[in-house]
Amino acid sequence: MQQLEQPIFSTRAHVFQIDPNTKKNWVPTSKHAVTVSYFYDSTRNVYRIISLDGSKAIINSTITPNMTFTKTSQKFGQWADSRANTVYGLGFSSEHHLSKFAEKFQEFKEAARLAKEKSQEKMELTSTPSQESAGGDLQSPLTPESINGTDDERTPDVTQNSEPRPEPTQNALPFSHSSAISKHWEAELATLKGNNAKLTAALLESTANVKQWKQQLAAYQEEAERLHKRVTELECVSSQANAVHTHKTELNQTIQELEETLKVKEEEIERLKQEIDNARELQEQRDSLTQKLQALRLICGVLLLELCS
């Protein structure tokens, strides 16, 4: 026996119904995307939206002229069914699937309006009352095999020189002067050594900080990527458009803050690189002064030898 009701358009979507208690929150009626089909009953000239989850009918909605399908986001739409006393919601894998479903809804809604007008005209002409069967009952047995749908897309870092004791004569003046110069340079060298030790410690600390900040940068990048993915997931599976918008705004602000932090860390790394270069220049100056001090010591030794001879 030929079925009186046949599917005329099918797609796949996640199905939701409004919470009957709060009338605000969405309750998922399917664990995964299921086939959602438009059916046409040629005998009664009726269009219906039907969806089965296994053998259970989770949508059985007769389209009437006063119904309206509303897109609440790029991938989510809803309509109210007064006969079923509920609001249905569908989450699609893409905006294209949502638009196609909405177009079909409008098309079949218009067809239902024309069919109703023709039926009323016929009733006026014949003056024969007709009985309208309840739209909430399935008119023909439906199985998962009878609903054909498309596949769901998943949105899816030195040598020492002995020095004899000088006599207190005028010849001791050059030696005293040389000794004063030597002491001056030794003090200068000690200062340089102290500065060099500080710079070396700062260099080591800067190197450690650079490594740590690189790790932080990598972590921030991973966090930013995770937040981007989370935004995408919320757009695909979230059933509340306002909640999705709020979460998306918060996540975008977090991403912006992370990007600003990344910029600050990069500037800090550049500053540390400049400090490292300055430390290297000071190291070179220290080496130069050390060589001069050694040369001065040789001169002093020569002077001592001349004084002693």
C-alpha atoms as a PDB file:
ATOM      1  CA  MET A   1       0.000   0.000   0.000  1.00  0.00           C
ATOM      2  CA  GLN A   2       1.435   3.339  -1.077  1.00  0.00           C
ATOM      3  CA  GLN A   3       2.115   5.831   1.671  1.00  0.00           C
ATOM      4  CA  LEU A   4      -0.102   8.908   1.560  1.00  0.00           C
ATOM      5  CA  GLU A   5       2.601  11.140   3.068  1.00  0.00           C
ATOM      6  CA  GLN A   6       6.040  11.449   1.473  1.00  0.00           C
ATOM      7  CA  PRO A   7       9.180  13.479   2.379  1.00  0.00           C
ATOM      8  CA  ILE A   8       9.766  16.343  -0.059  1.00  0.00           C
ATOM      9  CA  PHE A   9      12.869  17.913   1.527  1.00  0.00           C
ATOM     10  CA  SER A  10      15.334  16.653   4.150  1.00  0.00           C
ATOM     11  CA  THR A  11      18.320  18.036   6.012  1.00  0.00           C
ATOM     12  CA  ARG A  12      20.197  17.315   9.240  1.00  0.00           C
ATOM     13  CA  ALA A  13      20.247  19.401  12.411  1.00  0.00           C
ATOM     14  CA  HIS A  14      20.407  19.302  16.210  1.00  0.00           C
ATOM     15  CA  VAL A  15      16.860  19.475  17.609  1.00  0.00           C
ATOM     16  CA  PHE A  16      15.808  21.517  20.661  1.00  0.00           C
ATOM     17  CA  GLN A  17      12.547  22.388  22.410  1.00  0.00           C
ATOM     18  CA  ILE A  18      11.850  25.278  24.736  1.00  0.00           C
ATOM     19  CA  ASP A  19      11.788  24.385  28.440  1.00  0.00           C
ATOM     20  CA  PRO A  20       8.059  24.169  29.311  1.00  0.00           C
ATOM     21  CA  ASN A  21       8.755  25.396  32.859  1.00  0.00           C
ATOM     22  CA  THR A  22      10.970  28.428  32.291  1.00  0.00           C
ATOM     23  CA  LYS A  23       9.931  29.193  28.704  1.00  0.00           C
ATOM     24  CA  LYS A  24      13.462  30.598  28.286  1.00  0.00           C
ATOM     25  CA  ASN A  25      16.044  27.810  28.171  1.00  0.00           C
ATOM     26  CA  TRP A  26      16.469  25.314  25.364  1.00  0.00           C
ATOM     27  CA  VAL A  27      16.350  21.572  26.045  1.00  0.00           C
ATOM     28  CA  PRO A  28      18.089  19.302  23.497  1.00  0.00           C
ATOM     29  CA  THR A  29      15.882  16.462  22.310  1.00  0.00           C
ATOM     30  CA  SER A  30      18.593  14.735  20.250  1.00  0.00           C
ATOM     31  CA  LYS A  31      22.125  13.763  21.314  1.00  0.00           C
ATOM     32  CA  HIS A  32      23.446  14.332  17.797  1.00  0.00           C
ATOM     33  CA  ALA A  33      22.310  15.709  14.473  1.00  0.00           C
ATOM     34  CA  VAL A  34      19.246  13.907  13.116  1.00  0.00           C
ATOM     35  CA  THR A  35      17.267  14.012   9.896  1.00  0.00           C
ATOM     36  CA  VAL A  36      14.594  16.719   9.758  1.00  0.00           C
ATOM     37  CA  SER A  37      12.128  16.408   6.852  1.00  0.00           C
ATOM     38  CA  TYR A  38       9.244  18.275   5.304  1.00  0.00           C
ATOM     39  CA  PHE A  39       6.334  15.924   4.508  1.00  0.00           C
ATOM     40  CA  TYR A  40       3.362  16.537   2.237  1.00  0.00           C
ATOM     41  CA  ASP A  41       0.030  14.784   2.686  1.00  0.00           C
ATOM     42  CA  SER A  42      -1.646  14.954  -0.708  1.00  0.00           C
ATOM     43  CA  THR A  43      -4.999  13.706   0.561  1.00  0.00           C
ATOM     44  CA  ARG A  44      -5.391  16.453   3.153  1.00  0.00           C
ATOM     45  CA  ASN A  45      -3.130  18.978   1.385  1.00  0.00           C
ATOM     46  CA  VAL A  46      -1.112  19.403   4.597  1.00  0.00           C
ATOM     47  CA  TYR A  47       2.604  20.128   5.102  1.00  0.00           C
ATOM     48  CA  ARG A  48       4.374  18.858   8.188  1.00  0.00           C
ATOM     49  CA  ILE A  49       7.881  18.934   9.715  1.00  0.00           C
ATOM     50  CA  ILE A  50       8.839  15.543  11.114  1.00  0.00           C
ATOM     51  CA  SER A  51      12.013  14.246  12.755  1.00  0.00           C
ATOM     52  CA  LEU A  52      12.715  10.856  14.292  1.00  0.00           C
ATOM     53  CA  ASP A  53      15.385   9.952  16.834  1.00  0.00           C
ATOM     54  CA  GLY A  54      15.440   6.189  16.386  1.00  0.00           C
ATOM     55  CA  SER A  55      11.758   5.273  16.521  1.00  0.00           C
ATOM     56  CA  LYS A  56      10.723   8.305  18.584  1.00  0.00           C
ATOM     57  CA  ALA A  57       9.152  11.300  16.883  1.00  0.00           C
ATOM     58  CA  ILE A  58      10.849  14.392  18.368  1.00  0.00           C
ATOM     59  CA  ILE A  59       9.231  16.817  15.890  1.00  0.00           C
ATOM     60  CA  ASN A  60       5.698  16.490  14.514  1.00  0.00           C
ATOM     61  CA  SER A  61       4.647  19.986  13.542  1.00  0.00           C
ATOM     62  CA  THR A  62       1.937  20.882  11.021  1.00  0.00           C
ATOM     63  CA  ILE A  63       2.774  24.056   9.074  1.00  0.00           C
ATOM     64  CA  THR A  64       0.059  26.710   9.217  1.00  0.00           C
ATOM     65  CA  PRO A  65      -0.143  30.095   7.465  1.00  0.00           C
ATOM     66  CA  ASN A  66       0.336  32.023  10.715  1.00  0.00           C
ATOM     67  CA  MET A  67       3.618  30.299  11.613  1.00  0.00           C
ATOM     68  CA  THR A  68       6.952  32.142  11.338  1.00  0.00           C
ATOM     69  CA  PHE A  69      10.437  30.646  11.151  1.00  0.00           C
ATOM     70  CA  THR A  70      12.979  33.018  12.770  1.00  0.00           C
ATOM     71  CA  LYS A  71      16.765  32.962  12.332  1.00  0.00           C
ATOM     72  CA  THR A  72      18.236  33.831  15.734  1.00  0.00           C
ATOM     73  CA  SER A  73      21.889  33.376  14.685  1.00  0.00           C
ATOM     74  CA  GLN A  74      23.920  32.315  11.658  1.00  0.00           C
ATOM     75  CA  LYS A  75      23.269  28.625  12.321  1.00  0.00           C
ATOM     76  CA  PHE A  76      20.175  28.509  14.532  1.00  0.00           C
ATOM     77  CA  GLY A  77      16.490  29.000  13.821  1.00  0.00           C
ATOM     78  CA  GLN A  78      13.176  28.448  15.620  1.00  0.00           C
ATOM     79  CA  TRP A  79       9.428  28.438  15.194  1.00  0.00           C
ATOM     80  CA  ALA A  80       6.442  28.220  17.548  1.00  0.00           C
ATOM     81  CA  ASP A  81       3.779  25.521  17.229  1.00  0.00           C
ATOM     82  CA  SER A  82       0.611  26.517  19.062  1.00  0.00           C
ATOM     83  CA  ARG A  83      -0.990  23.135  18.488  1.00  0.00           C
ATOM     84  CA  ALA A  84       1.908  21.319  20.155  1.00  0.00           C
ATOM     85  CA  ASN A  85       2.165  24.155  22.710  1.00  0.00           C
ATOM     86  CA  THR A  86       5.934  24.398  22.285  1.00  0.00           C
ATOM     87  CA  VAL A  87       8.742  26.142  20.416  1.00  0.00           C
ATOM     88  CA  TYR A  88      11.109  24.085  18.270  1.00  0.00           C
ATOM     89  CA  GLY A  89      14.750  25.042  17.647  1.00  0.00           C
ATOM     90  CA  LEU A  90      17.187  23.690  15.059  1.00  0.00           C
ATOM     91  CA  GLY A  91      20.989  24.027  15.101  1.00  0.00           C
ATOM     92  CA  PHE A  92      22.578  23.547  11.685  1.00  0.00           C
ATOM     93  CA  SER A  93      26.164  22.814  10.647  1.00  0.00           C
ATOM     94  CA  SER A  94      26.334  25.843   8.346  1.00  0.00           C
ATOM     95  CA  GLU A  95      24.520  29.040   7.475  1.00  0.00           C
ATOM     96  CA  HIS A  96      23.713  27.607   4.052  1.00  0.00           C
ATOM     97  CA  HIS A  97      21.723  24.719   5.555  1.00  0.00           C
ATOM     98  CA  LEU A  98      19.818  27.136   7.780  1.00  0.00           C
ATOM     99  CA  SER A  99      18.967  29.422   4.846  1.00  0.00           C
ATOM    100  CA  LYS A 100      17.795  26.495   2.735  1.00  0.00           C
ATOM    101  CA  PHE A 101      15.532  25.213   5.519  1.00  0.00           C
ATOM    102  CA  ALA A 102      14.105  28.710   6.044  1.00  0.00           C
ATOM    103  CA  GLU A 103      13.393  29.070   2.325  1.00  0.00           C
ATOM    104  CA  LYS A 104      11.528  25.761   2.294  1.00  0.00           C
ATOM    105  CA  PHE A 105       9.580  26.785   5.413  1.00  0.00           C
ATOM    106  CA  GLN A 106       8.411  29.974   3.732  1.00  0.00           C
ATOM    107  CA  GLU A 107       7.602  28.080   0.521  1.00  0.00           C
ATOM    108  CA  PHE A 108       5.490  25.425   2.245  1.00  0.00           C
ATOM    109  CA  LYS A 109       3.890  28.000   4.519  1.00  0.00           C
ATOM    110  CA  GLU A 110       2.695  29.882   1.443  1.00  0.00           C
ATOM    111  CA  ALA A 111       1.486  26.604  -0.081  1.00  0.00           C
ATOM    112  CA  ALA A 112      -0.416  25.849   3.121  1.00  0.00           C
ATOM    113  CA  ARG A 113      -2.034  29.302   2.967  1.00  0.00           C
ATOM    114  CA  LEU A 114      -3.146  28.778  -0.630  1.00  0.00           C
ATOM    115  CA  ALA A 115      -4.431  25.321   0.209  1.00  0.00           C
ATOM    116  CA  LYS A 116      -6.434  26.711   3.108  1.00  0.00           C
ATOM    117  CA  GLU A 117      -7.956  29.433   0.933  1.00  0.00           C
ATOM    118  CA  LYS A 118      -8.937  26.891  -1.721  1.00  0.00           C
ATOM    119  CA  SER A 119     -10.427  24.651   0.927  1.00  0.00           C
ATOM    120  CA  GLN A 120     -12.479  27.526   2.326  1.00  0.00           C
ATOM    121  CA  GLU A 121     -13.709  28.446  -1.144  1.00  0.00           C
ATOM    122  CA  LYS A 122     -14.684  24.869  -1.786  1.00  0.00           C
ATOM    123  CA  MET A 123     -16.544  24.710   1.522  1.00  0.00           C
ATOM    124  CA  GLU A 124     -18.413  27.904   0.706  1.00  0.00           C
ATOM    125  CA  LEU A 125     -19.435  26.547  -2.693  1.00  0.00           C
ATOM    126  CA  THR A 126     -20.537  23.157  -1.536  1.00  0.00           C
ATOM    127  CA  SER A 127     -21.760  24.286   1.909  1.00  0.00           C
ATOM    128  CA  THR A 128     -20.649  20.930   3.141  1.00  0.00           C
ATOM    129  CA  PRO A 129     -18.959  20.835   6.547  1.00  0.00           C
ATOM    130  CA  SER A 130     -15.703  18.964   6.736  1.00  0.00           C
ATOM    131  CA  GLN A 131     -13.873  17.572   9.659  1.00  0.00           C
ATOM    132  CA  GLU A 132     -10.281  18.446  10.219  1.00  0.00           C
ATOM    133  CA  SER A 133      -8.199  15.738  11.814  1.00  0.00           C
ATOM    134  CA  ALA A 134      -5.786  16.653  14.588  1.00  0.00           C
ATOM    135  CA  GLY A 135      -2.370  17.737  13.285  1.00  0.00           C
ATOM    136  CA  GLY A 136      -0.510  16.257  16.206  1.00  0.00           C
ATOM    137  CA  ASP A 137      -1.212  12.626  15.139  1.00  0.00           C
ATOM    138  CA  LEU A 138       0.922  10.779  12.620  1.00  0.00           C
ATOM    139  CA  GLN A 139      -1.278   9.788   9.685  1.00  0.00           C
ATOM    140  CA  SER A 140       0.978   7.110   8.305  1.00  0.00           C
ATOM    141  CA  PRO A 141       3.611   4.876   9.877  1.00  0.00           C
ATOM    142  CA  LEU A 142       7.018   6.575   9.734  1.00  0.00           C
ATOM    143  CA  THR A 143      10.305   4.784  10.116  1.00  0.00           C
ATOM    144  CA  PRO A 144      13.890   6.109  10.060  1.00  0.00           C
ATOM    145  CA  GLU A 145      14.302   4.498   6.660  1.00  0.00           C
ATOM    146  CA  SER A 146      11.447   6.546   5.190  1.00  0.00           C
ATOM    147  CA  ILE A 147      13.147   9.867   5.944  1.00  0.00           C
ATOM    148  CA  ASN A 148      16.029  10.559   3.557  1.00  0.00           C
ATOM    149  CA  GLY A 149      18.551  13.193   4.614  1.00  0.00           C
ATOM    150  CA  THR A 150      21.985  14.388   3.780  1.00  0.00           C
ATOM    151  CA  ASP A 151      25.037  13.586   5.923  1.00  0.00           C
ATOM    152  CA  ASP A 152      25.762  16.037   8.702  1.00  0.00           C
ATOM    153  CA  GLU A 153      28.908  18.039   8.288  1.00  0.00           C
ATOM    154  CA  ARG A 154      30.997  18.314  11.364  1.00  0.00           C
ATOM    155  CA  THR A 155      31.766  21.823  12.317  1.00  0.00           C
ATOM    156  CA  PRO A 156      33.468  20.624  13.419  1.00  0.00           C
ATOM    157  CA  ASP A 157      61.260  28.682  23.362  1.00  0.00           C
ATOM    158  CA  VAL A 158     102.379  37.206  35.169  1.00  0.00           C
ATOM    159  CA  THR A 159     105.465  37.213  36.378  1.00  0.00           C
ATOM    160  CA  GLN A 160     106.229  38.820  39.745  1.00  0.00           C
ATOM    161  CA  ASN A 161     109.084  41.300  39.996  1.00  0.00           C
ATOM    162  CA  SER A 162     110.782  41.790  43.341  1.00  0.00           C
ATOM    163  CA  GLU A 163     110.853  45.409  44.262  1.00  0.00           C
ATOM    164  CA  PRO A 164     113.760  46.696  46.536  1.00  0.00           C
ATOM    165  CA  ARG A 165     112.851  49.184  49.187  1.00  0.00           C
ATOM    166  CA  PRO A 166     113.362  52.675  47.707  1.00  0.00           C
ATOM    167  CA  GLU A 167     115.519  55.221  49.467  1.00  0.00           C
ATOM    168  CA  PRO A 168     113.946  58.533  50.412  1.00  0.00           C
ATOM    169  CA  THR A 169     115.590  60.585  47.654  1.00  0.00           C
ATOM    170  CA  GLN A 170     114.317  62.602  44.748  1.00  0.00           C
ATOM    171  CA  ASN A 171     114.667  59.506  42.523  1.00  0.00           C
ATOM    172  CA  ALA A 172     111.774  57.932  44.401  1.00  0.00           C
ATOM    173  CA  LEU A 173     109.301  60.469  43.030  1.00  0.00           C
ATOM    174  CA  PRO A 174     108.679  58.743  39.672  1.00  0.00           C
ATOM    175  CA  PHE A 175     108.071  55.441  41.442  1.00  0.00           C
ATOM    176  CA  SER A 176     105.618  57.031  43.871  1.00  0.00           C
ATOM    177  CA  HIS A 177     103.810  58.653  40.975  1.00  0.00           C
ATOM    178  CA  SER A 178     103.690  55.335  39.085  1.00  0.00           C
ATOM    179  CA  SER A 179     102.446  53.559  42.200  1.00  0.00           C
ATOM    180  CA  ALA A 180      99.630  56.077  42.554  1.00  0.00           C
ATOM    181  CA  ILE A 181      98.640  55.574  38.919  1.00  0.00           C
ATOM    182  CA  SER A 182      98.791  51.814  39.383  1.00  0.00           C
ATOM    183  CA  LYS A 183      96.556  52.024  42.445  1.00  0.00           C
ATOM    184  CA  HIS A 184      94.149  54.210  40.533  1.00  0.00           C
ATOM    185  CA  TRP A 185      93.916  51.719  37.686  1.00  0.00           C
ATOM    186  CA  GLU A 186      93.617  48.834  40.126  1.00  0.00           C
ATOM    187  CA  ALA A 187      90.694  50.610  41.767  1.00  0.00           C
ATOM    188  CA  GLU A 188      89.232  51.258  38.339  1.00  0.00           C
ATOM    189  CA  LEU A 189      89.708  47.603  37.451  1.00  0.00           C
ATOM    190  CA  ALA A 190      88.047  46.497  40.674  1.00  0.00           C
ATOM    191  CA  THR A 191      85.103  48.756  39.874  1.00  0.00           C
ATOM    192  CA  LEU A 192      84.896  47.328  36.398  1.00  0.00           C
ATOM    193  CA  LYS A 193      85.034  43.799  37.791  1.00  0.00           C
ATOM    194  CA  GLY A 194      82.176  44.637  40.135  1.00  0.00           C
ATOM    195  CA  ASN A 195      80.178  46.168  37.318  1.00  0.00           C
ATOM    196  CA  ASN A 196      80.994  43.198  35.126  1.00  0.00           C
ATOM    197  CA  ALA A 197      79.775  40.791  37.811  1.00  0.00           C
ATOM    198  CA  LYS A 198      76.533  42.764  38.088  1.00  0.00           C
ATOM    199  CA  LEU A 199      76.121  42.840  34.327  1.00  0.00           C
ATOM    200  CA  THR A 200      76.836  39.112  34.093  1.00  0.00           C
ATOM    201  CA  ALA A 201      74.202  38.421  36.723  1.00  0.00           C
ATOM    202  CA  ALA A 202      71.758  40.720  34.921  1.00  0.00           C
ATOM    203  CA  LEU A 203      72.579  38.995  31.640  1.00  0.00           C
ATOM    204  CA  LEU A 204      71.907  35.573  33.134  1.00  0.00           C
ATOM    205  CA  GLU A 205      68.680  36.825  34.663  1.00  0.00           C
ATOM    206  CA  SER A 206      67.644  38.422  31.387  1.00  0.00           C
ATOM    207  CA  THR A 207      68.377  35.189  29.521  1.00  0.00           C
ATOM    208  CA  ALA A 208      66.266  33.263  31.994  1.00  0.00           C
ATOM    209  CA  ASN A 209      63.495  35.844  31.706  1.00  0.00           C
ATOM    210  CA  VAL A 210      63.607  35.666  27.911  1.00  0.00           C
ATOM    211  CA  LYS A 211      63.211  31.905  28.056  1.00  0.00           C
ATOM    212  CA  GLN A 212      60.365  32.208  30.525  1.00  0.00           C
ATOM    213  CA  TRP A 213      58.628  34.872  28.463  1.00  0.00           C
ATOM    214  CA  LYS A 214      58.986  32.773  25.335  1.00  0.00           C
ATOM    215  CA  GLN A 215      57.216  29.986  27.157  1.00  0.00           C
ATOM    216  CA  GLN A 216      54.547  32.430  28.273  1.00  0.00           C
ATOM    217  CA  LEU A 217      54.169  33.691  24.712  1.00  0.00           C
ATOM    218  CA  ALA A 218      53.690  30.123  23.483  1.00  0.00           C
ATOM    219  CA  ALA A 219      51.143  29.512  26.237  1.00  0.00           C
ATOM    220  CA  TYR A 220      49.301  32.744  25.353  1.00  0.00           C
ATOM    221  CA  GLN A 221      49.235  31.738  21.693  1.00  0.00           C
ATOM    222  CA  GLU A 222      47.839  28.321  22.579  1.00  0.00           C
ATOM    223  CA  GLU A 223      45.261  29.950  24.833  1.00  0.00           C
ATOM    224  CA  ALA A 224      44.277  32.390  22.081  1.00  0.00           C
ATOM    225  CA  GLU A 225      43.906  29.489  19.642  1.00  0.00           C
ATOM    226  CA  ARG A 226      41.809  27.559  22.149  1.00  0.00           C
ATOM    227  CA  LEU A 227      39.591  30.582  22.696  1.00  0.00           C
ATOM    228  CA  HIS A 228      39.136  31.004  18.940  1.00  0.00           C
ATOM    229  CA  LYS A 229      38.068  27.372  18.701  1.00  0.00           C
ATOM    230  CA  ARG A 230      35.756  27.831  21.663  1.00  0.00           C
ATOM    231  CA  VAL A 231      34.103  30.778  19.939  1.00  0.00           C
ATOM    232  CA  THR A 232      33.519  28.618  16.873  1.00  0.00           C
ATOM    233  CA  GLU A 233      32.094  25.803  18.967  1.00  0.00           C
ATOM    234  CA  LEU A 234      29.757  28.177  20.758  1.00  0.00           C
ATOM    235  CA  GLU A 235      28.489  29.515  17.449  1.00  0.00           C
ATOM    236  CA  CYS A 236      27.796  25.969  16.210  1.00  0.00           C
ATOM    237  CA  VAL A 237      26.213  24.235  19.198  1.00  0.00           C
ATOM    238  CA  SER A 238      24.938  26.975  21.465  1.00  0.00           C
ATOM    239  CA  SER A 239      21.181  27.158  21.600  1.00  0.00           C
ATOM    240  CA  GLN A 240      20.884  30.659  22.988  1.00  0.00           C
ATOM    241  CA  ALA A 241      21.853  33.495  20.667  1.00  0.00           C
ATOM    242  CA  ASN A 242      22.235  36.042  23.474  1.00  0.00           C
ATOM    243  CA  ALA A 243      24.508  33.746  25.473  1.00  0.00           C
ATOM    244  CA  VAL A 244      26.624  33.071  22.384  1.00  0.00           C
ATOM    245  CA  HIS A 245      27.007  36.789  21.742  1.00  0.00           C
ATOM    246  CA  THR A 246      28.009  37.452  25.366  1.00  0.00           C
ATOM    247  CA  HIS A 247      30.553  34.610  25.429  1.00  0.00           C
ATOM    248  CA  LYS A 248      31.961  35.669  22.082  1.00  0.00           C
ATOM    249  CA  THR A 249      32.411  39.263  23.274  1.00  0.00           C
ATOM    250  CA  GLU A 250      34.172  38.131  26.466  1.00  0.00           C
ATOM    251  CA  LEU A 251      36.436  35.769  24.561  1.00  0.00           C
ATOM    252  CA  ASN A 252      37.313  38.417  21.989  1.00  0.00           C
ATOM    253  CA  GLN A 253      38.217  40.822  24.823  1.00  0.00           C
ATOM    254  CA  THR A 254      40.404  38.129  26.393  1.00  0.00           C
ATOM    255  CA  ILE A 255      42.083  37.506  23.041  1.00  0.00           C
ATOM    256  CA  GLN A 256      42.692  41.247  22.627  1.00  0.00           C
ATOM    257  CA  GLU A 257      44.220  41.434  26.119  1.00  0.00           C
ATOM    258  CA  LEU A 258      46.470  38.467  25.330  1.00  0.00           C
ATOM    259  CA  GLU A 259      47.579  40.078  22.084  1.00  0.00           C
ATOM    260  CA  GLU A 260      48.421  43.302  23.961  1.00  0.00           C
ATOM    261  CA  THR A 261      50.367  41.245  26.527  1.00  0.00           C
ATOM    262  CA  LEU A 262      52.248  39.556  23.705  1.00  0.00           C
ATOM    263  CA  LYS A 263      53.164  42.961  22.292  1.00  0.00           C
ATOM    264  CA  VAL A 264      54.434  44.158  25.707  1.00  0.00           C
ATOM    265  CA  LYS A 265      56.517  40.998  26.144  1.00  0.00           C
ATOM    266  CA  GLU A 266      58.028  41.409  22.687  1.00  0.00           C
ATOM    267  CA  GLU A 267      58.995  44.996  23.512  1.00  0.00           C
ATOM    268  CA  GLU A 268      60.538  43.784  26.788  1.00  0.00           C
ATOM    269  CA  ILE A 269      62.564  41.166  24.890  1.00  0.00           C
ATOM    270  CA  GLU A 270      63.890  43.879  22.542  1.00  0.00           C
ATOM    271  CA  ARG A 271      64.878  45.993  25.560  1.00  0.00           C
ATOM    272  CA  LEU A 272      66.697  43.047  27.118  1.00  0.00           C
ATOM    273  CA  LYS A 273      68.526  42.412  23.867  1.00  0.00           C
ATOM    274  CA  GLN A 274      69.764  46.017  23.925  1.00  0.00           C
ATOM    275  CA  GLU A 275      70.924  45.578  27.537  1.00  0.00           C
ATOM    276  CA  ILE A 276      72.808  42.437  26.505  1.00  0.00           C
ATOM    277  CA  ASP A 277      74.530  44.375  23.735  1.00  0.00           C
ATOM    278  CA  ASN A 278      75.476  47.130  26.231  1.00  0.00           C
ATOM    279  CA  ALA A 279      76.861  44.498  28.607  1.00  0.00           C
ATOM    280  CA  ARG A 280      79.013  43.128  25.830  1.00  0.00           C
ATOM    281  CA  GLU A 281      80.358  46.611  25.088  1.00  0.00           C
ATOM    282  CA  LEU A 282      81.237  47.094  28.769  1.00  0.00           C
ATOM    283  CA  GLN A 283      82.966  43.703  28.725  1.00  0.00           C
ATOM    284  CA  GLU A 284      85.061  44.846  25.796  1.00  0.00           C
ATOM    285  CA  GLN A 285      85.930  48.085  27.638  1.00  0.00           C
ATOM    286  CA  ARG A 286      86.980  46.102  30.706  1.00  0.00           C
ATOM    287  CA  ASP A 287      89.226  43.877  28.582  1.00  0.00           C
ATOM    288  CA  SER A 288      90.807  46.974  27.036  1.00  0.00           C
ATOM    289  CA  LEU A 289      91.441  48.546  30.456  1.00  0.00           C
ATOM    290  CA  THR A 290      92.912  45.273  31.697  1.00  0.00           C
ATOM    291  CA  GLN A 291      95.382  45.278  28.815  1.00  0.00           C
ATOM    292  CA  LYS A 292      96.304  48.907  29.558  1.00  0.00           C
ATOM    293  CA  LEU A 293      96.834  48.058  33.237  1.00  0.00           C
ATOM    294  CA  GLN A 294      99.122  45.191  32.337  1.00  0.00           C
ATOM    295  CA  ALA A 295     101.099  47.484  30.044  1.00  0.00           C
ATOM    296  CA  LEU A 296     101.340  50.043  32.846  1.00  0.00           C
ATOM    297  CA  ARG A 297     102.632  47.411  35.223  1.00  0.00           C
ATOM    298  CA  LEU A 298     105.345  46.505  32.705  1.00  0.00           C
ATOM    299  CA  ILE A 299     106.305  50.199  32.471  1.00  0.00           C
ATOM    300  CA  CYS A 300     106.467  50.405  36.246  1.00  0.00           C
ATOM    301  CA  GLY A 301     108.693  47.352  36.322  1.00  0.00           C
ATOM    302  CA  VAL A 302     111.002  48.879  33.780  1.00  0.00           C
ATOM    303  CA  LEU A 303     111.171  52.102  35.791  1.00  0.00           C
ATOM    304  CA  LEU A 304     112.012  50.142  38.927  1.00  0.00           C
ATOM    305  CA  LEU A 305     114.772  48.311  37.136  1.00  0.00           C
ATOM    306  CA  GLU A 306     116.174  51.628  35.909  1.00  0.00           C
ATOM    307  CA  LEU A 307     115.988  53.097  39.386  1.00  0.00           C
ATOM    308  CA  CYS A 308     117.790  50.136  40.884  1.00  0.00           C
ATOM    309  CA  SER A 309     120.562  50.095  38.264  1.00  0.00           C
END
